[in-house]
Each structure stands twice: as structure tokens, then as C-alpha cells.
């Protein structure tokens, strides 16, 4: 599945939730997410455009492979990536399998997420928790749609045009706020 998104930084969570609900967006998720990332210790150049993640999202456990699509990013001004996600039994057991096949844990992160859906557009409000659960990154809104025009339309409807918009991957987001992305909780 091809995913296209933009991050809107420094939002007021309560205001954005209220505006989404006023637009009849349906809340689809609210809880903590724990992500653990894995990589092979060799061939960094060959693999640098993809990532492997195991995620616990409430009672659901997922394994995800993502591959960045930099050409789409340049042309359409959206973060773009191919994503394949599979439900797994549990993060711990699957992590042991990855490690058995020489993958190494590179980082992990925790966030509190509130998700909405409106007309096939996804809205994820993320509040990251790092360093002993201290929130060092202000809440942000990630909008995922088919194209930048749809995303910009929703940004206007939510009155967020003045907020900074970024095509960040997680590494750049943490760097933007002077946080160590390699940190493992």
C-alpha cells in the first residue's frame, strides 16, 4: 500500500480533536503505541530506504516493512512510502525471531495516539514519550491522504495553515526538536 502524508507540528490536541469531530470524523483509535525498530548490521547503503518495525497498538501486534519513495516526495511534496503491515501474535516472540535471523534492535519509541478517519483520510495525533516518559516533542498531526491537495484542504478546514508543515520521517522529527533518535527506551 502506498502511503502519502504530511506532519503538522505543534498542535493543540483538544482543539484539533474538537474540529475533527465537528467535521464528523470518526475516532478510530486512542491509546499508547510502542514501536521497536530492527535492522541488519551490514549493507546500510543498500537498505537505507526501508525499515522494519514491530508495534504494539493496544492489544494488536503488527510487523511492518516500509520503503521510502523519494521521487514521489519531490514531485508531490508529501512523504511517500510503500507499507506492508501484517498482524503477528506478539511483539516479544516476533522480536526473538528477527534477532535469530541476525537483525538488531536499533531504537524504540512510545507515543500516545488519537486517530480519526474522515472520507478515507487518516488523521493521527501523536504525542511522543521519550526519556522516562517525559514528552519532549510537542503534539503533532499526521494527515494521510491520496495527494497533497486533499491534505492541504483538510489543513485549511482544521485552521492549521499557520502551523509548520513538514515532510519528516521520524529521524528528522526528533532532530528538529534536538532529541536523540537512536535512544532505546
N, C-alpha and C. Protein backbone atom coordinates (compact mmCIF):
# COMPACT_ATOMS: atom_id res chain seq x y z
N UNK A 1 0.84 -1.18 0.00
CA UNK A 1 0.00 0.00 0.00
C UNK A 1 0.88 1.24 0.00
N UNK A 2 0.58 2.21 -0.83
CA UNK A 2 1.32 3.46 -0.88
C UNK A 2 0.70 4.45 0.10
N UNK A 3 1.53 5.00 0.96
CA UNK A 3 1.08 5.92 1.99
C UNK A 3 1.66 7.31 1.70
N UNK A 4 0.81 8.35 1.71
CA UNK A 4 1.26 9.73 1.48
C UNK A 4 0.79 10.56 2.66
N UNK A 5 1.71 11.37 3.24
CA UNK A 5 1.36 12.10 4.45
C UNK A 5 2.18 13.37 4.61
N UNK A 6 1.66 14.23 5.47
CA UNK A 6 2.36 15.44 5.92
C UNK A 6 2.15 15.55 7.41
N UNK A 7 3.19 16.02 8.12
CA UNK A 7 3.08 16.25 9.55
C UNK A 7 2.86 17.75 9.80
N UNK A 8 1.90 18.07 10.64
CA UNK A 8 1.62 19.45 11.06
C UNK A 8 2.07 19.53 12.51
N UNK A 9 3.04 20.41 12.77
CA UNK A 9 3.69 20.45 14.07
C UNK A 9 2.97 21.36 15.06
N UNK A 10 3.26 21.07 16.33
CA UNK A 10 2.90 21.97 17.44
C UNK A 10 1.41 22.29 17.48
N UNK A 11 0.59 21.28 17.57
CA UNK A 11 -0.86 21.48 17.56
C UNK A 11 -1.41 21.46 18.99
N UNK A 12 -2.61 21.97 19.13
CA UNK A 12 -3.37 21.84 20.38
C UNK A 12 -4.29 20.63 20.19
N UNK A 13 -3.99 19.58 20.92
CA UNK A 13 -4.70 18.31 20.73
C UNK A 13 -6.20 18.45 20.93
N UNK A 14 -6.62 19.10 22.00
CA UNK A 14 -8.05 19.22 22.29
C UNK A 14 -8.78 19.99 21.19
N UNK A 15 -8.17 21.07 20.71
CA UNK A 15 -8.79 21.87 19.65
C UNK A 15 -8.91 21.07 18.35
N UNK A 16 -7.85 20.35 17.99
CA UNK A 16 -7.88 19.57 16.75
C UNK A 16 -8.91 18.44 16.85
N UNK A 17 -8.97 17.77 17.98
CA UNK A 17 -9.99 16.71 18.16
C UNK A 17 -11.39 17.28 18.02
N UNK A 18 -11.63 18.43 18.63
CA UNK A 18 -12.95 19.07 18.56
C UNK A 18 -13.30 19.42 17.11
N UNK A 19 -12.34 20.00 16.38
CA UNK A 19 -12.58 20.37 14.99
C UNK A 19 -12.85 19.13 14.11
N UNK A 20 -12.10 18.07 14.35
CA UNK A 20 -12.32 16.83 13.59
C UNK A 20 -13.71 16.27 13.88
N UNK A 21 -14.10 16.28 15.13
CA UNK A 21 -15.43 15.78 15.49
C UNK A 21 -16.53 16.66 14.91
N UNK A 22 -16.29 17.97 14.86
CA UNK A 22 -17.26 18.89 14.24
C UNK A 22 -17.41 18.62 12.74
N UNK A 23 -16.35 18.08 12.13
CA UNK A 23 -16.39 17.72 10.71
C UNK A 23 -16.93 16.30 10.50
N UNK A 24 -17.40 15.67 11.54
CA UNK A 24 -17.96 14.32 11.53
C UNK A 24 -16.91 13.25 11.28
N UNK A 25 -15.67 13.53 11.65
CA UNK A 25 -14.64 12.50 11.56
C UNK A 25 -14.91 11.46 12.64
N UNK A 26 -14.63 10.21 12.33
CA UNK A 26 -14.87 9.12 13.26
C UNK A 26 -13.58 8.76 13.99
N UNK A 27 -13.63 8.77 15.32
CA UNK A 27 -12.46 8.36 16.10
C UNK A 27 -12.30 6.85 15.94
N UNK A 28 -11.09 6.42 15.55
CA UNK A 28 -10.85 5.00 15.30
C UNK A 28 -9.87 4.38 16.29
N UNK A 29 -9.14 5.20 17.02
CA UNK A 29 -8.16 4.66 17.96
C UNK A 29 -7.75 5.73 18.96
N UNK A 30 -7.50 5.30 20.20
CA UNK A 30 -6.90 6.18 21.20
C UNK A 30 -6.23 5.31 22.25
N UNK A 31 -4.90 5.35 22.25
CA UNK A 31 -4.13 4.62 23.25
C UNK A 31 -2.64 4.77 22.94
N UNK A 32 -1.81 4.15 23.74
CA UNK A 32 -0.37 4.18 23.54
C UNK A 32 0.05 3.21 22.44
N UNK A 33 1.11 3.59 21.74
CA UNK A 33 1.72 2.74 20.73
C UNK A 33 3.19 2.59 21.11
N UNK A 34 3.68 1.38 21.05
CA UNK A 34 5.08 1.10 21.34
C UNK A 34 5.70 0.49 20.09
N UNK A 35 6.68 1.19 19.51
CA UNK A 35 7.35 0.75 18.30
C UNK A 35 8.77 0.33 18.61
N UNK A 36 9.18 -0.79 18.04
CA UNK A 36 10.56 -1.25 18.14
C UNK A 36 11.06 -1.47 16.71
N UNK A 37 12.22 -0.87 16.40
CA UNK A 37 12.77 -0.93 15.05
C UNK A 37 13.96 -1.88 15.00
N UNK A 38 14.06 -2.59 13.87
CA UNK A 38 15.13 -3.56 13.67
C UNK A 38 15.82 -3.28 12.34
N UNK A 39 17.08 -3.71 12.26
CA UNK A 39 17.83 -3.56 11.02
C UNK A 39 18.92 -4.61 10.97
N UNK A 40 19.45 -4.84 9.78
CA UNK A 40 20.59 -5.71 9.63
C UNK A 40 21.85 -4.90 9.93
N UNK A 41 22.87 -5.50 10.53
CA UNK A 41 24.07 -4.74 10.89
C UNK A 41 25.01 -4.49 9.71
N UNK A 42 24.68 -4.97 8.53
CA UNK A 42 25.55 -4.80 7.37
C UNK A 42 24.76 -4.16 6.22
N UNK A 43 25.46 -3.79 5.18
CA UNK A 43 24.85 -3.26 3.95
C UNK A 43 23.90 -2.10 4.19
N UNK A 44 24.35 -1.10 4.96
CA UNK A 44 23.50 0.05 5.27
C UNK A 44 23.06 0.80 4.01
N UNK A 45 23.94 0.96 3.05
CA UNK A 45 23.59 1.73 1.86
C UNK A 45 22.46 1.06 1.07
N UNK A 46 22.53 -0.23 0.93
CA UNK A 46 21.52 -0.95 0.17
C UNK A 46 20.15 -0.88 0.84
N UNK A 47 20.14 -0.87 2.16
CA UNK A 47 18.89 -0.98 2.90
C UNK A 47 18.37 0.35 3.44
N UNK A 48 19.08 1.43 3.22
CA UNK A 48 18.75 2.67 3.93
C UNK A 48 17.36 3.24 3.60
N UNK A 49 16.75 2.85 2.52
CA UNK A 49 15.45 3.40 2.15
C UNK A 49 14.27 2.61 2.71
N UNK A 50 14.53 1.63 3.55
CA UNK A 50 13.45 0.83 4.11
C UNK A 50 13.66 0.68 5.62
N UNK A 51 12.62 0.24 6.30
CA UNK A 51 12.72 -0.01 7.73
C UNK A 51 11.82 -1.17 8.12
N UNK A 52 12.19 -1.80 9.22
CA UNK A 52 11.42 -2.91 9.78
C UNK A 52 10.96 -2.49 11.17
N UNK A 53 9.69 -2.72 11.46
CA UNK A 53 9.15 -2.28 12.75
C UNK A 53 8.21 -3.35 13.30
N UNK A 54 8.27 -3.55 14.61
CA UNK A 54 7.24 -4.31 15.30
C UNK A 54 6.55 -3.31 16.22
N UNK A 55 5.23 -3.45 16.32
CA UNK A 55 4.42 -2.44 17.02
C UNK A 55 3.37 -3.12 17.88
N UNK A 56 3.23 -2.58 19.08
CA UNK A 56 2.09 -2.95 19.91
C UNK A 56 1.17 -1.75 19.95
N UNK A 57 -0.04 -1.97 19.49
CA UNK A 57 -1.06 -0.93 19.40
C UNK A 57 -2.29 -1.46 20.12
N UNK A 58 -2.38 -1.12 21.42
CA UNK A 58 -3.39 -1.66 22.32
C UNK A 58 -3.19 -3.16 22.38
N UNK A 59 -4.14 -3.97 21.98
CA UNK A 59 -3.98 -5.42 22.05
C UNK A 59 -3.55 -6.03 20.72
N UNK A 60 -3.29 -5.18 19.75
CA UNK A 60 -2.89 -5.63 18.42
C UNK A 60 -1.37 -5.54 18.30
N UNK A 61 -0.78 -6.56 17.69
CA UNK A 61 0.66 -6.60 17.47
C UNK A 61 0.89 -6.68 15.96
N UNK A 62 1.79 -5.84 15.45
CA UNK A 62 1.99 -5.73 14.00
C UNK A 62 3.46 -5.77 13.63
N UNK A 63 3.73 -6.33 12.46
CA UNK A 63 5.06 -6.27 11.86
C UNK A 63 4.92 -5.48 10.57
N UNK A 64 5.78 -4.47 10.39
CA UNK A 64 5.66 -3.58 9.25
C UNK A 64 7.00 -3.45 8.54
N UNK A 65 6.94 -3.46 7.22
CA UNK A 65 8.09 -3.13 6.38
C UNK A 65 7.69 -1.90 5.58
N UNK A 66 8.53 -0.85 5.63
CA UNK A 66 8.25 0.37 4.87
C UNK A 66 9.45 0.67 3.98
N UNK A 67 9.17 1.22 2.82
CA UNK A 67 10.22 1.65 1.89
C UNK A 67 9.88 3.05 1.41
N UNK A 68 10.82 3.96 1.61
CA UNK A 68 10.62 5.36 1.22
C UNK A 68 10.53 5.50 -0.30
N UNK A 69 9.70 6.43 -0.73
CA UNK A 69 9.54 6.74 -2.16
C UNK A 69 9.93 8.20 -2.37
N UNK A 70 11.23 8.45 -2.47
CA UNK A 70 11.76 9.82 -2.52
C UNK A 70 11.34 10.58 -3.78
N UNK A 71 11.16 9.87 -4.91
CA UNK A 71 10.75 10.56 -6.14
C UNK A 71 9.36 11.16 -5.99
N UNK A 72 8.45 10.42 -5.38
CA UNK A 72 7.09 10.94 -5.15
C UNK A 72 7.16 12.13 -4.21
N UNK A 73 7.99 12.04 -3.19
CA UNK A 73 8.15 13.14 -2.23
C UNK A 73 8.56 14.43 -2.95
N UNK A 74 9.51 14.33 -3.87
CA UNK A 74 9.98 15.51 -4.59
C UNK A 74 8.93 16.09 -5.52
N UNK A 75 8.18 15.23 -6.19
CA UNK A 75 7.20 15.68 -7.18
C UNK A 75 5.91 16.19 -6.53
N UNK A 76 5.40 15.45 -5.53
CA UNK A 76 4.09 15.76 -4.97
C UNK A 76 4.14 16.52 -3.65
N UNK A 77 5.32 16.71 -3.08
CA UNK A 77 5.52 17.38 -1.79
C UNK A 77 4.68 16.72 -0.70
N UNK A 78 4.85 15.41 -0.59
CA UNK A 78 4.28 14.60 0.50
C UNK A 78 5.31 13.54 0.86
N UNK A 79 5.30 13.11 2.11
CA UNK A 79 6.08 11.94 2.47
C UNK A 79 5.40 10.74 1.85
N UNK A 80 6.14 9.93 1.14
CA UNK A 80 5.53 8.77 0.49
C UNK A 80 6.36 7.53 0.80
N UNK A 81 5.63 6.45 1.07
CA UNK A 81 6.31 5.19 1.32
C UNK A 81 5.36 4.03 1.04
N UNK A 82 5.96 2.95 0.58
CA UNK A 82 5.23 1.70 0.46
C UNK A 82 5.22 1.07 1.83
N UNK A 83 4.08 0.55 2.23
CA UNK A 83 3.97 -0.05 3.55
C UNK A 83 3.26 -1.39 3.44
N UNK A 84 3.88 -2.39 4.04
CA UNK A 84 3.25 -3.71 4.15
C UNK A 84 3.19 -4.05 5.63
N UNK A 85 1.98 -4.25 6.14
CA UNK A 85 1.78 -4.50 7.57
C UNK A 85 1.05 -5.82 7.75
N UNK A 86 1.55 -6.63 8.69
CA UNK A 86 0.98 -7.93 8.97
C UNK A 86 0.77 -8.08 10.47
N UNK A 87 -0.38 -8.59 10.84
CA UNK A 87 -0.63 -8.84 12.26
C UNK A 87 0.20 -10.04 12.70
N UNK A 88 0.80 -9.93 13.90
CA UNK A 88 1.59 -11.00 14.48
C UNK A 88 1.01 -11.36 15.85
N UNK A 89 1.45 -12.48 16.40
CA UNK A 89 0.91 -12.95 17.68
C UNK A 89 1.29 -11.99 18.81
N UNK A 90 2.59 -11.68 18.92
CA UNK A 90 3.01 -10.70 19.92
C UNK A 90 4.40 -10.18 19.57
N UNK A 91 4.69 -8.97 20.03
CA UNK A 91 5.94 -8.29 19.70
C UNK A 91 7.15 -9.06 20.24
N UNK A 92 7.08 -9.53 21.47
CA UNK A 92 8.22 -10.21 22.08
C UNK A 92 8.66 -11.44 21.31
N UNK A 93 7.74 -12.33 20.99
CA UNK A 93 8.08 -13.55 20.25
C UNK A 93 8.61 -13.23 18.86
N UNK A 94 7.97 -12.29 18.18
CA UNK A 94 8.40 -11.96 16.82
C UNK A 94 9.77 -11.30 16.85
N UNK A 95 10.03 -10.48 17.86
CA UNK A 95 11.35 -9.85 18.00
C UNK A 95 12.44 -10.91 18.14
N UNK A 96 12.16 -11.97 18.88
CA UNK A 96 13.13 -13.06 19.03
C UNK A 96 13.41 -13.73 17.69
N UNK A 97 12.41 -13.87 16.86
CA UNK A 97 12.60 -14.44 15.53
C UNK A 97 13.50 -13.53 14.69
N UNK A 98 13.23 -12.22 14.70
CA UNK A 98 14.06 -11.28 13.94
C UNK A 98 15.52 -11.36 14.39
N UNK A 99 15.72 -11.39 15.71
CA UNK A 99 17.08 -11.44 16.25
C UNK A 99 17.77 -12.77 15.90
N UNK A 100 17.01 -13.85 15.83
CA UNK A 100 17.57 -15.15 15.44
C UNK A 100 18.10 -15.09 14.01
N UNK A 101 17.50 -14.24 13.17
CA UNK A 101 17.94 -14.08 11.79
C UNK A 101 18.81 -12.84 11.61
N UNK A 102 19.59 -12.52 12.63
CA UNK A 102 20.65 -11.52 12.62
C UNK A 102 20.19 -10.07 12.57
N UNK A 103 18.92 -9.81 12.77
CA UNK A 103 18.50 -8.41 12.83
C UNK A 103 18.78 -7.89 14.24
N UNK A 104 19.10 -6.59 14.32
CA UNK A 104 19.40 -5.98 15.61
C UNK A 104 18.41 -4.86 15.91
N UNK A 105 18.03 -4.77 17.19
CA UNK A 105 17.17 -3.67 17.62
C UNK A 105 17.99 -2.38 17.51
N UNK A 106 17.45 -1.38 16.81
CA UNK A 106 18.18 -0.13 16.63
C UNK A 106 17.60 1.01 17.47
N UNK A 107 16.30 0.96 17.73
CA UNK A 107 15.68 2.04 18.52
C UNK A 107 14.25 1.64 18.84
N UNK A 108 13.67 2.38 19.75
CA UNK A 108 12.25 2.20 20.02
C UNK A 108 11.68 3.52 20.47
N UNK A 109 10.38 3.66 20.30
CA UNK A 109 9.72 4.89 20.71
C UNK A 109 8.31 4.57 21.17
N UNK A 110 7.82 5.45 22.01
CA UNK A 110 6.46 5.33 22.52
C UNK A 110 5.74 6.62 22.23
N UNK A 111 4.46 6.48 21.91
CA UNK A 111 3.65 7.67 21.67
C UNK A 111 2.21 7.38 22.06
N UNK A 112 1.52 8.43 22.40
CA UNK A 112 0.09 8.34 22.65
C UNK A 112 -0.57 8.83 21.38
N UNK A 113 -1.44 8.03 20.79
CA UNK A 113 -2.04 8.38 19.50
C UNK A 113 -3.55 8.44 19.62
N UNK A 114 -4.10 9.47 18.97
CA UNK A 114 -5.55 9.56 18.76
C UNK A 114 -5.74 9.60 17.25
N UNK A 115 -6.52 8.65 16.73
CA UNK A 115 -6.71 8.55 15.28
C UNK A 115 -8.16 8.81 14.90
N UNK A 116 -8.32 9.49 13.78
CA UNK A 116 -9.64 9.76 13.20
C UNK A 116 -9.60 9.39 11.72
N UNK A 117 -10.77 9.13 11.18
CA UNK A 117 -10.91 8.89 9.75
C UNK A 117 -12.10 9.71 9.25
N UNK A 118 -11.90 10.36 8.12
CA UNK A 118 -12.98 11.14 7.50
C UNK A 118 -12.83 11.05 5.99
N UNK A 119 -13.80 10.47 5.32
CA UNK A 119 -13.79 10.34 3.86
C UNK A 119 -12.47 9.76 3.36
N UNK A 120 -12.04 8.65 3.94
CA UNK A 120 -10.84 7.92 3.54
C UNK A 120 -9.55 8.69 3.80
N UNK A 121 -9.61 9.71 4.60
CA UNK A 121 -8.40 10.44 5.00
C UNK A 121 -8.15 10.12 6.47
N UNK A 122 -6.88 9.79 6.76
CA UNK A 122 -6.49 9.43 8.13
C UNK A 122 -5.87 10.62 8.83
N UNK A 123 -6.23 10.80 10.09
CA UNK A 123 -5.68 11.85 10.94
C UNK A 123 -5.13 11.18 12.19
N UNK A 124 -3.83 11.31 12.42
CA UNK A 124 -3.21 10.74 13.61
C UNK A 124 -2.58 11.87 14.42
N UNK A 125 -3.05 12.01 15.64
CA UNK A 125 -2.47 12.98 16.57
C UNK A 125 -1.51 12.20 17.45
N UNK A 126 -0.23 12.57 17.39
CA UNK A 126 0.80 11.84 18.12
C UNK A 126 1.45 12.72 19.19
N UNK A 127 1.61 12.12 20.35
CA UNK A 127 2.29 12.74 21.48
C UNK A 127 3.40 11.77 21.87
N UNK A 128 4.65 12.10 21.56
CA UNK A 128 5.78 11.20 21.78
C UNK A 128 6.25 11.25 23.22
N UNK A 129 6.64 10.09 23.72
CA UNK A 129 7.17 9.97 25.08
C UNK A 129 8.53 9.31 25.01
N UNK A 130 9.54 10.05 25.46
CA UNK A 130 10.89 9.51 25.49
C UNK A 130 11.54 9.94 26.80
N UNK A 131 12.64 9.33 27.10
CA UNK A 131 13.39 9.64 28.31
C UNK A 131 12.50 9.57 29.54
N UNK A 132 12.24 8.40 29.99
CA UNK A 132 11.43 8.17 31.20
C UNK A 132 10.04 8.80 31.09
N UNK A 133 9.44 8.66 29.92
CA UNK A 133 8.07 9.11 29.67
C UNK A 133 7.87 10.62 29.75
N UNK A 134 8.93 11.39 29.59
CA UNK A 134 8.79 12.85 29.51
C UNK A 134 8.52 13.21 28.05
N UNK A 135 7.52 14.06 27.85
CA UNK A 135 7.18 14.46 26.49
C UNK A 135 8.08 15.63 26.09
N UNK A 136 8.99 15.39 25.16
CA UNK A 136 9.93 16.42 24.74
C UNK A 136 9.67 16.90 23.32
N UNK A 137 8.64 16.37 22.69
CA UNK A 137 8.24 16.79 21.35
C UNK A 137 6.79 17.23 21.44
N UNK A 138 6.46 18.46 21.03
CA UNK A 138 5.06 18.90 21.10
C UNK A 138 4.14 18.01 20.25
N UNK A 139 2.88 17.91 20.61
CA UNK A 139 1.94 17.09 19.82
C UNK A 139 1.91 17.53 18.36
N UNK A 140 1.71 16.55 17.49
CA UNK A 140 1.65 16.84 16.05
C UNK A 140 0.50 16.08 15.43
N UNK A 141 0.11 16.54 14.26
CA UNK A 141 -0.95 15.89 13.49
C UNK A 141 -0.34 15.37 12.20
N UNK A 142 -0.57 14.09 11.93
CA UNK A 142 -0.15 13.49 10.68
C UNK A 142 -1.41 13.26 9.85
N UNK A 143 -1.42 13.82 8.65
CA UNK A 143 -2.58 13.65 7.77
C UNK A 143 -2.14 12.80 6.59
N UNK A 144 -2.88 11.72 6.37
CA UNK A 144 -2.57 10.77 5.31
C UNK A 144 -3.73 10.75 4.32
N UNK A 145 -3.43 11.05 3.05
CA UNK A 145 -4.46 11.09 2.01
C UNK A 145 -3.83 10.65 0.68
N UNK A 146 -4.63 10.70 -0.38
CA UNK A 146 -4.14 10.28 -1.70
C UNK A 146 -3.21 11.29 -2.35
N UNK A 147 -3.31 12.56 -1.94
CA UNK A 147 -2.49 13.59 -2.58
C UNK A 147 -2.38 14.82 -1.68
N UNK A 148 -1.45 15.70 -2.03
CA UNK A 148 -1.18 16.90 -1.26
C UNK A 148 -2.39 17.84 -1.25
N UNK A 149 -3.11 17.91 -2.35
CA UNK A 149 -4.28 18.79 -2.43
C UNK A 149 -5.32 18.43 -1.36
N UNK A 150 -5.60 17.15 -1.20
CA UNK A 150 -6.54 16.71 -0.16
C UNK A 150 -6.02 17.03 1.23
N UNK A 151 -4.72 16.83 1.43
CA UNK A 151 -4.12 17.13 2.74
C UNK A 151 -4.23 18.63 3.04
N UNK A 152 -3.87 19.47 2.07
CA UNK A 152 -3.93 20.92 2.28
C UNK A 152 -5.36 21.39 2.53
N UNK A 153 -6.31 20.78 1.84
CA UNK A 153 -7.71 21.10 2.05
C UNK A 153 -8.11 20.84 3.51
N UNK A 154 -7.68 19.70 4.06
CA UNK A 154 -8.01 19.36 5.45
C UNK A 154 -7.28 20.27 6.43
N UNK A 155 -6.06 20.65 6.10
CA UNK A 155 -5.32 21.58 6.96
C UNK A 155 -6.08 22.89 7.07
N UNK A 156 -6.63 23.38 5.96
CA UNK A 156 -7.43 24.62 5.98
C UNK A 156 -8.70 24.44 6.79
N UNK A 157 -9.39 23.31 6.60
CA UNK A 157 -10.63 23.07 7.35
C UNK A 157 -10.38 22.98 8.86
N UNK A 158 -9.17 22.59 9.24
CA UNK A 158 -8.83 22.49 10.66
C UNK A 158 -8.17 23.77 11.18
N UNK A 159 -8.06 24.78 10.33
CA UNK A 159 -7.47 26.08 10.67
C UNK A 159 -6.03 25.93 11.15
N UNK A 160 -5.27 25.14 10.45
CA UNK A 160 -3.87 24.88 10.83
C UNK A 160 -2.88 25.39 9.79
N UNK A 161 -3.31 26.29 8.92
CA UNK A 161 -2.42 26.78 7.86
C UNK A 161 -1.18 27.48 8.39
N UNK A 162 -1.27 28.07 9.58
CA UNK A 162 -0.13 28.78 10.14
C UNK A 162 0.84 27.86 10.87
N UNK A 163 0.43 26.64 11.12
CA UNK A 163 1.34 25.69 11.77
C UNK A 163 2.38 25.21 10.76
N UNK A 164 3.54 24.92 11.26
CA UNK A 164 4.62 24.41 10.43
C UNK A 164 4.26 23.02 9.89
N UNK A 165 4.46 22.85 8.59
CA UNK A 165 4.21 21.55 7.94
C UNK A 165 5.56 20.96 7.53
N UNK A 166 5.71 19.66 7.79
CA UNK A 166 6.99 19.03 7.48
C UNK A 166 6.78 17.70 6.78
N UNK A 167 7.75 17.37 5.96
CA UNK A 167 7.79 16.07 5.30
C UNK A 167 8.78 15.18 6.05
N UNK A 168 8.69 15.19 7.34
CA UNK A 168 9.61 14.46 8.19
C UNK A 168 9.34 12.97 8.20
N UNK A 169 10.40 12.21 8.29
CA UNK A 169 10.37 10.86 8.80
C UNK A 169 10.67 11.02 10.28
N UNK A 170 10.56 9.99 11.04
CA UNK A 170 10.76 10.10 12.49
C UNK A 170 12.13 10.64 12.86
N UNK A 171 13.16 10.20 12.17
CA UNK A 171 14.53 10.64 12.48
C UNK A 171 14.64 12.17 12.39
N UNK A 172 14.09 12.76 11.34
CA UNK A 172 14.15 14.21 11.17
C UNK A 172 13.28 14.94 12.19
N UNK A 173 12.17 14.34 12.56
CA UNK A 173 11.31 14.94 13.59
C UNK A 173 12.07 15.06 14.91
N UNK A 174 12.72 13.98 15.32
CA UNK A 174 13.48 14.01 16.56
C UNK A 174 14.62 15.02 16.48
N UNK A 175 15.30 15.07 15.35
CA UNK A 175 16.41 16.02 15.15
C UNK A 175 15.90 17.46 15.23
N UNK A 176 14.73 17.71 14.66
CA UNK A 176 14.13 19.05 14.68
C UNK A 176 13.95 19.56 16.11
N UNK A 177 13.63 18.64 17.02
CA UNK A 177 13.42 19.01 18.42
C UNK A 177 14.63 18.66 19.30
N UNK A 178 15.78 18.45 18.68
CA UNK A 178 17.05 18.21 19.38
C UNK A 178 16.98 16.98 20.29
N UNK A 179 16.32 15.94 19.81
CA UNK A 179 16.21 14.70 20.57
C UNK A 179 17.03 13.61 19.90
N UNK A 180 17.58 12.71 20.70
CA UNK A 180 18.39 11.60 20.21
C UNK A 180 17.48 10.49 19.69
N UNK A 181 17.49 10.30 18.39
CA UNK A 181 16.61 9.30 17.78
C UNK A 181 17.12 7.88 17.99
N UNK A 182 18.39 7.74 18.26
CA UNK A 182 18.94 6.41 18.46
C UNK A 182 18.64 5.89 19.87
N UNK A 183 18.03 6.71 20.68
CA UNK A 183 17.72 6.34 22.05
C UNK A 183 16.83 5.12 22.10
N UNK A 184 17.19 4.17 22.90
CA UNK A 184 16.36 3.00 23.11
C UNK A 184 15.81 3.07 24.52
N UNK A 185 14.49 3.10 24.65
CA UNK A 185 13.85 3.20 25.97
C UNK A 185 14.04 1.94 26.76
